């Protein structure tokens, strides 16, 4: 069966995808720290504090998953064996799930805005702007993880076909 030669991801492409995932993950963790400082500084007012669902769930801290997935892609690019590629594939599937859930939670957060104390209004408004910025990065993370997952599956299936054909050739030569 003839296959497309472009279906395998190159080492350089894997390194770039991994580096972008690591940078996005670090950005998300830094934004989580910023939101932590921002929301911890709120004063209990008449209408209470503004604590969105993404802050309560630590949604930005999920960037650690993006960092781990980026490291696993780089590891798979340097050592393209079945183990590291499978690990990178599994981590990228977790990234896809995480990005979809995080985007959904952020959309829910941005779609409603309850009254907050006038003292906390500025912090709530700034926190919502950070959530909008983070919402713009989730599709990028989703696209990177989906791209690697597709090409990782193709690479694994091609690797199995190559291994199977090599074993078959060796068996034919011994008989």
N, C-alpha and C. Protein backbone atom coordinates (compact mmCIF):
# COMPACT_ATOMS: atom_id res chain seq x y z
N UNK A 1 0.85 -1.17 0.00
CA UNK A 1 0.00 0.00 0.00
C UNK A 1 0.90 1.24 0.00
N UNK A 2 0.74 2.09 -0.97
CA UNK A 2 1.55 3.30 -1.09
C UNK A 2 0.98 4.37 -0.19
N UNK A 3 1.86 5.04 0.51
CA UNK A 3 1.41 6.08 1.42
C UNK A 3 2.04 7.41 1.09
N UNK A 4 1.54 8.44 1.68
CA UNK A 4 2.05 9.78 1.47
C UNK A 4 3.31 9.97 2.30
N UNK A 5 4.36 10.47 1.70
CA UNK A 5 5.61 10.67 2.40
C UNK A 5 5.53 11.84 3.38
N UNK A 6 4.56 12.70 3.20
CA UNK A 6 4.45 13.88 4.05
C UNK A 6 3.67 13.60 5.35
N UNK A 7 3.21 12.39 5.53
CA UNK A 7 2.36 12.09 6.68
C UNK A 7 3.13 11.98 7.99
N UNK A 8 4.44 11.84 7.92
CA UNK A 8 5.23 11.73 9.14
C UNK A 8 5.72 13.11 9.56
N UNK A 9 5.69 13.38 10.84
CA UNK A 9 6.09 14.67 11.35
C UNK A 9 7.61 14.69 11.47
N UNK A 10 8.26 15.76 11.03
CA UNK A 10 9.71 15.83 11.09
C UNK A 10 10.17 16.20 12.49
N UNK A 11 11.46 16.02 12.74
CA UNK A 11 12.03 16.37 14.04
C UNK A 11 11.88 17.86 14.31
N UNK A 12 12.16 18.68 13.30
CA UNK A 12 12.06 20.13 13.48
C UNK A 12 10.63 20.55 13.78
N UNK A 13 9.67 19.95 13.07
CA UNK A 13 8.27 20.28 13.34
C UNK A 13 7.86 19.86 14.75
N UNK A 14 8.31 18.70 15.18
CA UNK A 14 8.02 18.25 16.53
C UNK A 14 8.61 19.17 17.59
N UNK A 15 9.84 19.64 17.34
CA UNK A 15 10.47 20.55 18.29
C UNK A 15 9.72 21.88 18.36
N UNK A 16 9.29 22.37 17.21
CA UNK A 16 8.55 23.64 17.18
C UNK A 16 7.20 23.49 17.89
N UNK A 17 6.46 22.43 17.58
CA UNK A 17 5.17 22.21 18.23
C UNK A 17 5.34 22.07 19.74
N UNK A 18 6.36 21.33 20.17
CA UNK A 18 6.61 21.16 21.59
C UNK A 18 6.98 22.47 22.26
N UNK A 19 7.82 23.28 21.60
CA UNK A 19 8.22 24.57 22.18
C UNK A 19 7.03 25.51 22.30
N UNK A 20 6.16 25.52 21.30
CA UNK A 20 4.98 26.38 21.36
C UNK A 20 4.05 25.93 22.49
N UNK A 21 3.90 24.61 22.65
CA UNK A 21 3.06 24.12 23.75
C UNK A 21 3.64 24.50 25.10
N UNK A 22 4.95 24.39 25.23
CA UNK A 22 5.59 24.77 26.50
C UNK A 22 5.39 26.25 26.78
N UNK A 23 5.57 27.09 25.76
CA UNK A 23 5.38 28.54 25.95
C UNK A 23 3.94 28.88 26.31
N UNK A 24 2.98 28.23 25.66
CA UNK A 24 1.58 28.46 26.01
C UNK A 24 1.29 28.01 27.44
N UNK A 25 1.85 26.87 27.83
CA UNK A 25 1.65 26.38 29.19
C UNK A 25 2.23 27.33 30.23
N UNK A 26 3.43 27.84 29.97
CA UNK A 26 4.05 28.79 30.89
C UNK A 26 3.22 30.07 30.96
N UNK A 27 2.72 30.52 29.82
CA UNK A 27 1.85 31.71 29.80
C UNK A 27 0.61 31.49 30.66
N UNK A 28 0.00 30.32 30.56
CA UNK A 28 -1.20 30.03 31.35
C UNK A 28 -0.89 29.98 32.83
N UNK A 29 0.23 29.41 33.20
CA UNK A 29 0.61 29.34 34.62
C UNK A 29 0.89 30.74 35.16
N UNK A 30 1.55 31.58 34.36
CA UNK A 30 1.81 32.96 34.79
C UNK A 30 0.49 33.72 34.96
N UNK A 31 -0.44 33.52 34.05
CA UNK A 31 -1.75 34.18 34.17
C UNK A 31 -2.51 33.67 35.38
N UNK A 32 -2.35 32.37 35.71
CA UNK A 32 -2.98 31.84 36.92
C UNK A 32 -2.43 32.55 38.15
N UNK A 33 -1.12 32.74 38.19
CA UNK A 33 -0.50 33.43 39.32
C UNK A 33 -1.00 34.87 39.41
N UNK A 34 -1.12 35.52 38.26
CA UNK A 34 -1.64 36.89 38.22
C UNK A 34 -3.07 36.94 38.75
N UNK A 35 -3.91 36.01 38.31
CA UNK A 35 -5.29 35.97 38.79
C UNK A 35 -5.36 35.64 40.28
N UNK A 36 -4.47 34.80 40.74
CA UNK A 36 -4.42 34.46 42.16
C UNK A 36 -4.15 35.71 42.99
N UNK A 37 -3.14 36.47 42.60
CA UNK A 37 -2.81 37.71 43.31
C UNK A 37 -3.97 38.71 43.19
N UNK A 38 -4.55 38.79 42.00
CA UNK A 38 -5.64 39.74 41.75
C UNK A 38 -6.86 39.45 42.63
N UNK A 39 -7.29 38.20 42.64
CA UNK A 39 -8.52 37.87 43.36
C UNK A 39 -8.30 37.72 44.86
N UNK A 40 -7.09 37.41 45.29
CA UNK A 40 -6.84 37.33 46.73
C UNK A 40 -6.85 38.71 47.37
N UNK A 41 -6.61 39.75 46.57
CA UNK A 41 -6.58 41.11 47.09
C UNK A 41 -7.94 41.76 47.19
N UNK A 42 -9.00 41.03 46.93
CA UNK A 42 -10.34 41.62 46.99
C UNK A 42 -10.77 41.86 48.43
N UNK A 43 -11.60 42.86 48.58
CA UNK A 43 -12.14 43.21 49.89
C UNK A 43 -13.59 42.76 49.93
N UNK A 44 -13.99 42.13 51.02
CA UNK A 44 -15.36 41.67 51.16
C UNK A 44 -16.27 42.89 51.24
N UNK A 45 -17.09 43.07 50.22
CA UNK A 45 -17.99 44.21 50.17
C UNK A 45 -19.44 43.79 50.36
N UNK A 46 -20.34 44.72 50.08
CA UNK A 46 -21.76 44.47 50.24
C UNK A 46 -22.21 43.36 49.30
N UNK A 47 -21.73 43.39 48.05
CA UNK A 47 -22.12 42.39 47.08
C UNK A 47 -21.17 41.20 47.02
N UNK A 48 -20.17 41.19 47.86
CA UNK A 48 -19.26 40.06 47.94
C UNK A 48 -18.08 40.16 46.98
N UNK A 49 -17.35 39.08 46.94
CA UNK A 49 -16.16 39.00 46.09
C UNK A 49 -16.54 38.42 44.73
N UNK A 50 -15.71 38.71 43.75
CA UNK A 50 -15.89 38.14 42.42
C UNK A 50 -14.96 36.94 42.31
N UNK A 51 -15.53 35.75 42.30
CA UNK A 51 -14.75 34.52 42.15
C UNK A 51 -15.35 33.70 41.02
N UNK A 52 -14.83 33.87 39.81
CA UNK A 52 -15.40 33.16 38.67
C UNK A 52 -15.09 31.66 38.72
N UNK A 53 -15.82 30.92 37.92
CA UNK A 53 -15.68 29.46 37.91
C UNK A 53 -14.28 29.03 37.44
N UNK A 54 -13.69 29.80 36.54
CA UNK A 54 -12.35 29.44 36.07
C UNK A 54 -11.31 29.63 37.16
N UNK A 55 -11.55 30.59 38.03
CA UNK A 55 -10.63 30.80 39.16
C UNK A 55 -10.80 29.71 40.20
N UNK A 56 -12.04 29.33 40.48
CA UNK A 56 -12.30 28.30 41.47
C UNK A 56 -11.75 26.94 41.04
N UNK A 57 -11.80 26.65 39.74
CA UNK A 57 -11.31 25.36 39.24
C UNK A 57 -9.82 25.38 38.93
N UNK A 58 -9.20 26.54 38.99
CA UNK A 58 -7.78 26.62 38.66
C UNK A 58 -7.52 26.39 37.18
N UNK A 59 -8.42 26.87 36.37
CA UNK A 59 -8.39 26.59 34.93
C UNK A 59 -7.06 27.00 34.28
N UNK A 60 -6.52 28.13 34.67
CA UNK A 60 -5.26 28.58 34.09
C UNK A 60 -4.09 27.71 34.54
N UNK A 61 -4.22 27.12 35.71
CA UNK A 61 -3.16 26.25 36.21
C UNK A 61 -3.08 24.96 35.42
N UNK A 62 -4.12 24.67 34.66
CA UNK A 62 -4.11 23.49 33.80
C UNK A 62 -3.05 23.61 32.72
N UNK A 63 -2.43 24.77 32.62
CA UNK A 63 -1.33 24.96 31.68
C UNK A 63 -0.17 24.01 31.94
N UNK A 64 -0.12 23.45 33.13
CA UNK A 64 0.91 22.45 33.44
C UNK A 64 0.77 21.25 32.51
N UNK A 65 -0.46 20.90 32.16
CA UNK A 65 -0.69 19.80 31.23
C UNK A 65 -0.10 20.14 29.86
N UNK A 66 -0.23 21.42 29.45
CA UNK A 66 0.33 21.84 28.18
C UNK A 66 1.86 21.76 28.21
N UNK A 67 2.45 22.11 29.34
CA UNK A 67 3.91 22.05 29.47
C UNK A 67 4.38 20.60 29.38
N UNK A 68 3.72 19.71 30.10
CA UNK A 68 4.10 18.29 30.07
C UNK A 68 3.93 17.72 28.67
N UNK A 69 2.87 18.10 27.98
CA UNK A 69 2.66 17.62 26.61
C UNK A 69 3.74 18.14 25.68
N UNK A 70 4.14 19.40 25.85
CA UNK A 70 5.21 19.96 25.02
C UNK A 70 6.53 19.25 25.25
N UNK A 71 6.83 18.95 26.50
CA UNK A 71 8.05 18.21 26.81
C UNK A 71 8.00 16.81 26.21
N UNK A 72 6.83 16.18 26.27
CA UNK A 72 6.73 14.83 25.69
C UNK A 72 6.84 14.85 24.18
N UNK A 73 6.37 15.91 23.52
CA UNK A 73 6.55 16.03 22.07
C UNK A 73 8.02 16.18 21.73
N UNK A 74 8.73 17.02 22.48
CA UNK A 74 10.16 17.20 22.23
C UNK A 74 10.91 15.90 22.46
N UNK A 75 10.55 15.20 23.51
CA UNK A 75 11.18 13.90 23.78
C UNK A 75 10.90 12.91 22.65
N UNK A 76 9.68 12.91 22.14
CA UNK A 76 9.33 12.01 21.03
C UNK A 76 10.03 12.43 19.74
N UNK A 77 10.30 13.73 19.58
CA UNK A 77 11.01 14.19 18.39
C UNK A 77 12.47 13.75 18.42
N UNK A 78 13.08 13.77 19.60
CA UNK A 78 14.48 13.35 19.71
C UNK A 78 14.63 11.84 19.72
N UNK A 79 13.66 11.14 20.28
CA UNK A 79 13.70 9.67 20.36
C UNK A 79 12.41 9.11 19.78
N UNK A 80 12.33 8.98 18.45
CA UNK A 80 11.06 8.58 17.83
C UNK A 80 10.77 7.08 17.92
N UNK A 81 10.77 6.56 19.12
CA UNK A 81 10.39 5.17 19.35
C UNK A 81 8.90 5.11 19.66
N UNK A 82 8.38 3.92 19.76
CA UNK A 82 6.95 3.77 20.00
C UNK A 82 6.55 4.30 21.38
N UNK A 83 7.37 4.11 22.39
CA UNK A 83 7.03 4.55 23.75
C UNK A 83 6.87 6.06 23.88
N UNK A 84 7.90 6.84 23.53
CA UNK A 84 7.75 8.30 23.64
C UNK A 84 6.67 8.88 22.73
N UNK A 85 6.50 8.32 21.54
CA UNK A 85 5.46 8.82 20.64
C UNK A 85 4.07 8.52 21.21
N UNK A 86 3.90 7.36 21.80
CA UNK A 86 2.62 7.02 22.43
C UNK A 86 2.35 7.92 23.62
N UNK A 87 3.38 8.17 24.42
CA UNK A 87 3.23 9.07 25.57
C UNK A 87 2.83 10.47 25.10
N UNK A 88 3.49 10.97 24.07
CA UNK A 88 3.16 12.30 23.54
C UNK A 88 1.74 12.32 22.98
N UNK A 89 1.35 11.24 22.34
CA UNK A 89 0.01 11.15 21.79
C UNK A 89 -1.05 11.19 22.89
N UNK A 90 -0.84 10.44 23.96
CA UNK A 90 -1.77 10.42 25.09
C UNK A 90 -1.84 11.80 25.75
N UNK A 91 -0.68 12.43 25.95
CA UNK A 91 -0.67 13.75 26.57
C UNK A 91 -1.38 14.78 25.70
N UNK A 92 -1.24 14.66 24.39
CA UNK A 92 -1.92 15.61 23.50
C UNK A 92 -3.43 15.37 23.47
N UNK A 93 -3.84 14.15 23.65
CA UNK A 93 -5.28 13.89 23.77
C UNK A 93 -5.81 14.54 25.06
N UNK A 94 -5.02 14.46 26.15
CA UNK A 94 -5.40 15.16 27.38
C UNK A 94 -5.45 16.67 27.15
N UNK A 95 -4.53 17.19 26.33
CA UNK A 95 -4.52 18.62 26.02
C UNK A 95 -5.78 19.03 25.26
N UNK A 96 -6.20 18.21 24.34
CA UNK A 96 -7.42 18.51 23.58
C UNK A 96 -8.60 18.58 24.53
N UNK A 97 -8.72 17.59 25.40
CA UNK A 97 -9.83 17.57 26.37
C UNK A 97 -9.75 18.78 27.29
N UNK A 98 -8.54 19.09 27.78
CA UNK A 98 -8.36 20.22 28.68
C UNK A 98 -8.70 21.54 28.01
N UNK A 99 -8.26 21.71 26.77
CA UNK A 99 -8.53 22.96 26.05
C UNK A 99 -10.02 23.15 25.82
N UNK A 100 -10.73 22.08 25.49
CA UNK A 100 -12.18 22.19 25.26
C UNK A 100 -12.90 22.52 26.56
N UNK A 101 -12.55 21.85 27.64
CA UNK A 101 -13.20 22.12 28.93
C UNK A 101 -12.88 23.53 29.41
N UNK A 102 -11.62 23.94 29.28
CA UNK A 102 -11.23 25.29 29.71
C UNK A 102 -11.94 26.36 28.89
N UNK A 103 -12.06 26.15 27.59
CA UNK A 103 -12.77 27.12 26.75
C UNK A 103 -14.24 27.19 27.14
N UNK A 104 -14.85 26.05 27.41
CA UNK A 104 -16.26 26.04 27.81
C UNK A 104 -16.46 26.76 29.14
N UNK A 105 -15.58 26.51 30.11
CA UNK A 105 -15.70 27.19 31.40
C UNK A 105 -15.49 28.69 31.26
N UNK A 106 -14.56 29.09 30.41
CA UNK A 106 -14.30 30.51 30.21
C UNK A 106 -15.48 31.19 29.53
N UNK A 107 -16.09 30.52 28.57
CA UNK A 107 -17.27 31.08 27.91
C UNK A 107 -18.42 31.24 28.90
N UNK A 108 -18.59 30.24 29.77
CA UNK A 108 -19.63 30.35 30.81
C UNK A 108 -19.32 31.53 31.73
N UNK A 109 -18.07 31.69 32.10
CA UNK A 109 -17.69 32.80 32.97
C UNK A 109 -17.96 34.15 32.32
N UNK A 110 -17.60 34.27 31.05
CA UNK A 110 -17.75 35.56 30.37
C UNK A 110 -19.19 35.88 29.98
N UNK A 111 -20.04 34.84 29.94
CA UNK A 111 -21.42 35.08 29.53
C UNK A 111 -22.28 35.66 30.65
N UNK A 112 -21.83 35.54 31.89
CA UNK A 112 -22.61 36.11 32.99
C UNK A 112 -21.69 36.93 33.89
N UNK A 113 -22.23 37.98 34.43
CA UNK A 113 -21.47 38.85 35.31
C UNK A 113 -22.40 39.35 36.40
N UNK A 114 -22.24 38.79 37.58
CA UNK A 114 -23.07 39.21 38.71
C UNK A 114 -22.51 40.50 39.30
N UNK A 115 -23.33 41.17 40.06
CA UNK A 115 -22.91 42.41 40.70
C UNK A 115 -21.83 42.11 41.73
N UNK A 116 -20.86 42.98 41.77
CA UNK A 116 -19.81 42.89 42.79
C UNK A 116 -19.71 44.23 43.48
N UNK A 117 -19.05 44.24 44.59
CA UNK A 117 -18.84 45.47 45.34
C UNK A 117 -18.06 46.47 44.49
N UNK A 118 -18.34 47.73 44.65
CA UNK A 118 -17.65 48.74 43.85
C UNK A 118 -16.14 48.70 44.10
N UNK A 119 -15.73 48.23 45.27
CA UNK A 119 -14.31 48.12 45.57
C UNK A 119 -13.63 47.04 44.74
N UNK A 120 -14.39 46.02 44.38
CA UNK A 120 -13.83 44.89 43.64
C UNK A 120 -14.14 44.94 42.14
N UNK A 121 -14.82 45.97 41.69
CA UNK A 121 -15.23 46.02 40.29
C UNK A 121 -14.03 46.06 39.35
N UNK A 122 -13.03 46.86 39.68
CA UNK A 122 -11.84 46.96 38.83
C UNK A 122 -11.11 45.64 38.72
N UNK A 123 -10.99 44.94 39.84
CA UNK A 123 -10.32 43.64 39.82
C UNK A 123 -11.12 42.62 39.01
N UNK A 124 -12.45 42.67 39.15
CA UNK A 124 -13.29 41.75 38.40
C UNK A 124 -13.19 42.03 36.91
N UNK A 125 -13.18 43.30 36.54
CA UNK A 125 -13.09 43.67 35.13
C UNK A 125 -11.74 43.25 34.55
N UNK A 126 -10.67 43.46 35.29
CA UNK A 126 -9.34 43.05 34.83
C UNK A 126 -9.24 41.53 34.72
N UNK A 127 -9.82 40.84 35.67
CA UNK A 127 -9.82 39.37 35.62
C UNK A 127 -10.58 38.84 34.42
N UNK A 128 -11.66 39.50 34.05
CA UNK A 128 -12.42 39.09 32.87
C UNK A 128 -11.63 39.34 31.59
N UNK A 129 -10.84 40.41 31.57
CA UNK A 129 -9.99 40.67 30.40
C UNK A 129 -8.91 39.59 30.27
N UNK A 130 -8.35 39.18 31.39
CA UNK A 130 -7.38 38.09 31.36
C UNK A 130 -8.04 36.81 30.85
N UNK A 131 -9.27 36.57 31.27
CA UNK A 131 -10.00 35.39 30.78
C UNK A 131 -10.24 35.46 29.28
N UNK A 132 -10.50 36.66 28.77
CA UNK A 132 -10.67 36.81 27.31
C UNK A 132 -9.37 36.50 26.58
N UNK A 133 -8.26 36.94 27.13
CA UNK A 133 -6.96 36.65 26.51
C UNK A 133 -6.69 35.15 26.53
N UNK A 134 -6.96 34.52 27.66
CA UNK A 134 -6.75 33.08 27.76
C UNK A 134 -7.69 32.32 26.82
N UNK A 135 -8.90 32.83 26.63
CA UNK A 135 -9.85 32.19 25.71
C UNK A 135 -9.32 32.20 24.28
N UNK A 136 -8.56 33.20 23.94
CA UNK A 136 -8.00 33.25 22.58
C UNK A 136 -6.86 32.26 22.38
N UNK A 137 -6.27 31.77 23.47
CA UNK A 137 -5.16 30.81 23.33
C UNK A 137 -5.64 29.36 23.30
N UNK A 138 -6.83 29.08 23.77
CA UNK A 138 -7.31 27.70 23.78
C UNK A 138 -7.47 27.09 22.39
N UNK A 139 -7.99 27.84 21.41
CA UNK A 139 -8.03 27.24 20.06
C UNK A 139 -6.65 26.92 19.50
N UNK A 140 -5.67 27.75 19.80
CA UNK A 140 -4.30 27.47 19.35
C UNK A 140 -3.78 26.19 19.99
N UNK A 141 -3.99 26.05 21.28
CA UNK A 141 -3.55 24.83 21.97
C UNK A 141 -4.28 23.61 21.42
N UNK A 142 -5.57 23.76 21.18
CA UNK A 142 -6.37 22.68 20.61
C UNK A 142 -5.82 22.27 19.25
N UNK A 143 -5.51 23.26 18.41
CA UNK A 143 -5.01 22.98 17.06
C UNK A 143 -3.66 22.29 17.10
N UNK A 144 -2.77 22.73 17.97
CA UNK A 144 -1.45 22.11 18.07
C UNK A 144 -1.58 20.67 18.54
N UNK A 145 -2.37 20.45 19.58
CA UNK A 145 -2.53 19.10 20.12
C UNK A 145 -3.22 18.18 19.12
N UNK A 146 -4.21 18.69 18.40
CA UNK A 146 -4.90 17.88 17.41
C UNK A 146 -3.98 17.54 16.24
N UNK A 147 -3.19 18.50 15.80
CA UNK A 147 -2.24 18.26 14.71
C UNK A 147 -1.26 17.17 15.08
N UNK A 148 -0.67 17.28 16.28
CA UNK A 148 0.29 16.26 16.68
C UNK A 148 -0.40 14.92 16.88
N UNK A 149 -1.60 14.93 17.41
CA UNK A 149 -2.30 13.67 17.63
C UNK A 149 -2.59 12.95 16.31
N UNK A 150 -3.01 13.71 15.31
CA UNK A 150 -3.29 13.09 14.01
C UNK A 150 -2.02 12.52 13.40
N UNK A 151 -0.96 13.34 13.35
CA UNK A 151 0.28 12.87 12.75
C UNK A 151 0.96 11.82 13.62
N UNK A 152 0.75 11.88 14.93
CA UNK A 152 1.29 10.84 15.80
C UNK A 152 0.63 9.50 15.56
N UNK A 153 -0.68 9.51 15.37
CA UNK A 153 -1.40 8.26 15.04
C UNK A 153 -0.95 7.71 13.70
N UNK A 154 -0.79 8.58 12.73
CA UNK A 154 -0.32 8.13 11.42
C UNK A 154 1.09 7.56 11.53
N UNK A 155 1.94 8.25 12.30
CA UNK A 155 3.31 7.76 12.49
C UNK A 155 3.35 6.42 13.20
N UNK A 156 2.50 6.25 14.21
CA UNK A 156 2.47 4.97 14.91
C UNK A 156 1.96 3.86 14.01
N UNK A 157 0.91 4.14 13.23
CA UNK A 157 0.39 3.10 12.35
C UNK A 157 1.37 2.77 11.24
N UNK A 158 2.07 3.76 10.73
CA UNK A 158 3.08 3.50 9.70
C UNK A 158 4.26 2.75 10.31
N UNK A 159 4.61 3.10 11.54
CA UNK A 159 5.70 2.39 12.20
C UNK A 159 5.36 0.94 12.40
N UNK A 160 4.11 0.63 12.74
CA UNK A 160 3.69 -0.76 12.90
C UNK A 160 3.70 -1.48 11.57
N UNK A 161 3.29 -0.79 10.49
CA UNK A 161 3.32 -1.42 9.17
C UNK A 161 4.75 -1.71 8.75
N UNK A 162 5.67 -0.74 9.01
CA UNK A 162 7.07 -0.94 8.66
C UNK A 162 7.66 -2.10 9.46
N UNK A 163 7.34 -2.16 10.75
CA UNK A 163 7.83 -3.25 11.59
C UNK A 163 7.28 -4.59 11.11
N UNK A 164 6.00 -4.61 10.77
CA UNK A 164 5.36 -5.84 10.30
C UNK A 164 5.98 -6.30 8.98
N UNK A 165 6.23 -5.36 8.06
CA UNK A 165 6.82 -5.75 6.78
C UNK A 165 8.26 -6.21 6.97
N UNK A 166 9.01 -5.61 7.91
CA UNK A 166 10.38 -6.04 8.17
C UNK A 166 10.39 -7.44 8.76
N UNK A 167 9.49 -7.73 9.69
CA UNK A 167 9.41 -9.06 10.29
C UNK A 167 9.02 -10.08 9.24
N UNK A 168 8.09 -9.73 8.37
CA UNK A 168 7.66 -10.64 7.31
C UNK A 168 8.81 -10.92 6.35
N UNK A 169 9.58 -9.90 5.97
CA UNK A 169 10.72 -10.08 5.08
C UNK A 169 11.78 -10.97 5.72
N UNK A 170 12.04 -10.75 7.02
CA UNK A 170 13.03 -11.58 7.72
C UNK A 170 12.57 -13.03 7.80
N UNK A 171 11.26 -13.23 8.03
CA UNK A 171 10.74 -14.59 8.12
C UNK A 171 10.85 -15.28 6.75
N UNK A 172 10.63 -14.55 5.66
CA UNK A 172 10.71 -15.14 4.33
C UNK A 172 12.13 -15.51 3.97
N UNK A 173 13.10 -14.70 4.41
CA UNK A 173 14.49 -15.00 4.08
C UNK A 173 15.04 -16.18 4.86
N UNK A 174 14.51 -16.44 6.04
CA UNK A 174 15.00 -17.59 6.82
C UNK A 174 14.45 -18.90 6.32
N UNK A 175 13.31 -18.90 5.63
CA UNK A 175 12.74 -20.13 5.11
C UNK A 175 13.23 -20.34 3.76
